[in-house]
Amino acid sequence: MLASRAVLVGRLLNRALGRQAGSAGALRNQIVRHGHDWSYRVNGPKPDLITRVGAQVAGGLMWWWVLWHLFHEYEHITGEFDYPDPSQWSNAELGIPSELEELE
């Protein structure tokens, strides 16, 4: 902790001495903290035109691909074969014991 305090005191002394030396020392020690776009609770920077057009084209191609395949290969969603009619299944196929076995 003592070392960190010494560093802070050293920085303060350096700034104080730099300001006394003239305006060149003050400009040399200036800290600039705006190296990037700031977007807290505001819209971010607007992307370039080529980025927006590329995003629209990529989205259009994706939707074309999805809708094309849903129209031409709908079996991926509905299945390839007809669904069997459950009313035609027998009790043995469903695993239901016969009524005669229940009476015994």
Protein backbone atom coordinates (compact mmCIF):
# COMPACT_ATOMS: atom_id res chain seq x y z
CA MET A 1 0.00 0.00 0.00
CA LEU A 2 2.86 2.33 0.75
CA ALA A 3 4.30 1.80 -2.73
CA SER A 4 1.00 2.68 -4.42
CA ARG A 5 0.75 5.87 -2.33
CA ALA A 6 4.31 6.78 -3.29
CA VAL A 7 3.45 6.35 -6.96
CA LEU A 8 0.43 8.65 -6.59
CA VAL A 9 2.49 11.29 -4.78
CA GLY A 10 5.15 11.03 -7.49
CA ARG A 11 2.57 11.59 -10.21
CA LEU A 12 1.16 14.61 -8.40
CA LEU A 13 4.63 16.10 -8.01
CA ASN A 14 5.40 15.42 -11.66
CA ARG A 15 2.19 17.18 -12.75
CA ALA A 16 2.84 20.12 -10.45
CA LEU A 17 6.39 20.52 -11.71
CA GLY A 18 5.28 20.12 -15.30
CA ARG A 19 2.71 22.91 -15.00
CA GLN A 20 5.29 25.25 -13.48
CA ALA A 21 7.66 24.62 -16.36
CA GLY A 22 5.21 26.15 -18.85
CA SER A 23 2.41 25.17 -21.18
CA ALA A 24 4.48 22.53 -22.98
CA GLY A 25 4.74 20.44 -19.79
CA ALA A 26 1.00 20.69 -19.15
CA LEU A 27 0.15 19.46 -22.65
CA ARG A 28 2.62 16.63 -22.37
CA ASN A 29 0.92 15.23 -19.24
CA GLN A 30 -2.64 15.55 -20.50
CA ILE A 31 -4.62 12.29 -20.48
CA VAL A 32 -7.01 11.74 -23.40
CA ARG A 33 -9.87 9.36 -22.62
CA HIS A 34 -11.97 9.43 -25.80
CA GLY A 35 -10.34 6.83 -27.99
CA HIS A 36 -13.57 5.06 -29.02
CA ASP A 37 -17.26 5.74 -29.69
CA TRP A 38 -19.37 6.15 -26.59
CA SER A 39 -22.93 4.81 -26.75
CA TYR A 40 -24.41 4.63 -23.25
CA ARG A 41 -28.21 4.96 -23.54
CA VAL A 42 -27.90 6.37 -27.03
CA ASN A 43 -27.78 4.79 -30.45
CA GLY A 44 -24.39 3.54 -31.50
CA PRO A 45 -22.55 4.81 -34.53
CA LYS A 46 -24.32 4.16 -37.82
CA PRO A 47 -22.62 1.41 -39.84
CA ASP A 48 -21.23 2.05 -43.29
CA LEU A 49 -23.47 1.76 -46.34
CA ILE A 50 -21.68 -1.35 -47.62
CA THR A 51 -22.23 -3.04 -44.24
CA ARG A 52 -25.96 -2.28 -44.26
CA VAL A 53 -26.38 -3.44 -47.87
CA GLY A 54 -24.38 -6.60 -47.15
CA ALA A 55 -26.58 -7.38 -44.13
CA GLN A 56 -29.75 -6.93 -46.20
CA VAL A 57 -28.40 -9.15 -48.99
CA ALA A 58 -27.32 -11.86 -46.53
CA GLY A 59 -30.73 -11.77 -44.81
CA GLY A 60 -32.53 -11.96 -48.16
CA LEU A 61 -30.47 -14.95 -49.27
CA MET A 62 -31.10 -16.72 -45.97
CA TRP A 63 -34.89 -16.26 -46.21
CA TRP A 64 -34.89 -17.30 -49.86
CA TRP A 65 -33.02 -20.50 -48.93
CA VAL A 66 -35.38 -21.29 -46.03
CA LEU A 67 -38.61 -20.67 -47.99
CA TRP A 68 -37.34 -22.45 -51.11
CA HIS A 69 -36.52 -25.59 -49.15
CA LEU A 70 -39.76 -25.45 -47.16
CA PHE A 71 -41.69 -25.37 -50.45
CA HIS A 72 -39.68 -27.99 -52.34
CA GLU A 73 -38.60 -30.30 -49.51
CA TYR A 74 -41.50 -30.06 -47.05
CA GLU A 75 -40.98 -33.71 -46.07
CA HIS A 76 -38.32 -32.53 -43.64
CA ILE A 77 -41.13 -30.94 -41.62
CA THR A 78 -44.10 -33.24 -42.32
CA GLY A 79 -42.25 -36.54 -42.60
CA GLU A 80 -41.69 -38.75 -45.64
CA PHE A 81 -44.42 -41.34 -45.02
CA ASP A 82 -48.13 -41.18 -44.28
CA TYR A 83 -49.01 -41.28 -40.59
CA PRO A 84 -50.70 -44.59 -39.72
CA ASP A 85 -54.32 -44.58 -38.59
CA PRO A 86 -54.38 -45.51 -34.87
CA SER A 87 -57.95 -46.85 -35.10
CA GLN A 88 -56.65 -49.71 -37.27
CA TRP A 89 -54.14 -50.92 -34.66
CA SER A 90 -54.94 -54.05 -32.69
CA ASN A 91 -54.77 -54.36 -28.91
CA ALA A 92 -51.79 -56.71 -29.24
CA GLU A 93 -49.88 -54.11 -31.24
CA LEU A 94 -50.64 -51.48 -28.60
CA GLY A 95 -49.68 -53.81 -25.72
CA ILE A 96 -53.15 -53.90 -24.21
CA PRO A 97 -54.02 -57.24 -22.55
CA SER A 98 -57.20 -58.97 -23.72
CA GLU A 99 -60.33 -58.89 -21.61
CA LEU A 100 -60.23 -62.66 -21.13
CA GLU A 101 -56.85 -62.45 -19.36
CA GLU A 102 -58.19 -59.82 -16.97
CA LEU A 103 -61.08 -62.08 -15.86
CA GLU A 104 -58.82 -64.99 -14.94
